[in-house]
Amino acid sequence: MSLVGTVIAVDGEWITVEVRPLVGCQGCRACGGLLSGNEATQFRRVSALRQGFALAPGDRVTLDTRPGEVTLAALVMFGLPLVGLFLGLWAGPTLLAQPGSATPAADWHHAIGGVVGLVTAACLVYLGARAGWFTHLSLKVTGKLPSTAIPSDSYCTNVHYP
């Protein structure tokens, strides 16, 4: 779903945009969770990549992501720490067992390995996000609207199920 908003700040390749839920929105939150209780008519500020458009504060723009980017972002955010957890569960007994011991691994070996794997993978995701590895998964400007474009004429195009 595309968002329509007004540029309020430009900082290099990033812009800050004020967006408002579209008329006819029924609260499905597909537009980035813009609705929250009685805040359905309030603006929300989001950051987006400029994508080479010449923009200035006050310009009206449309924002969107490429198909599949949201799924990839969710996989990075939740899948990598989960993989770290399972790798830690598998590697914990091997790394924590006493060398030459014939006794099987204790449950705490698995638990500590899982926690270490989960925390390590989550830290890698955090550091990757801070380093900008995932900026290509962000909202992007897909078009600049004429100054006469009125966002209240736009309606939510998402399918709403009862």
Foldseek 3Di string as FASTA:
>chain_A
DKWKFFWAADDPQKTKTKTADEPADPQPCPVPRCDDPPCNGPIDIDMAGAVPDDDDGGWMFMKDADPPLVVVVCCLQPVQLVVLLVVLLVCQQVVPPDPPDPDGGDPVSSVVRNVVRNVVSNVVSVVCVVVPVSNSSGMYTPGTDDSPDDRRVDHDPDDDDD
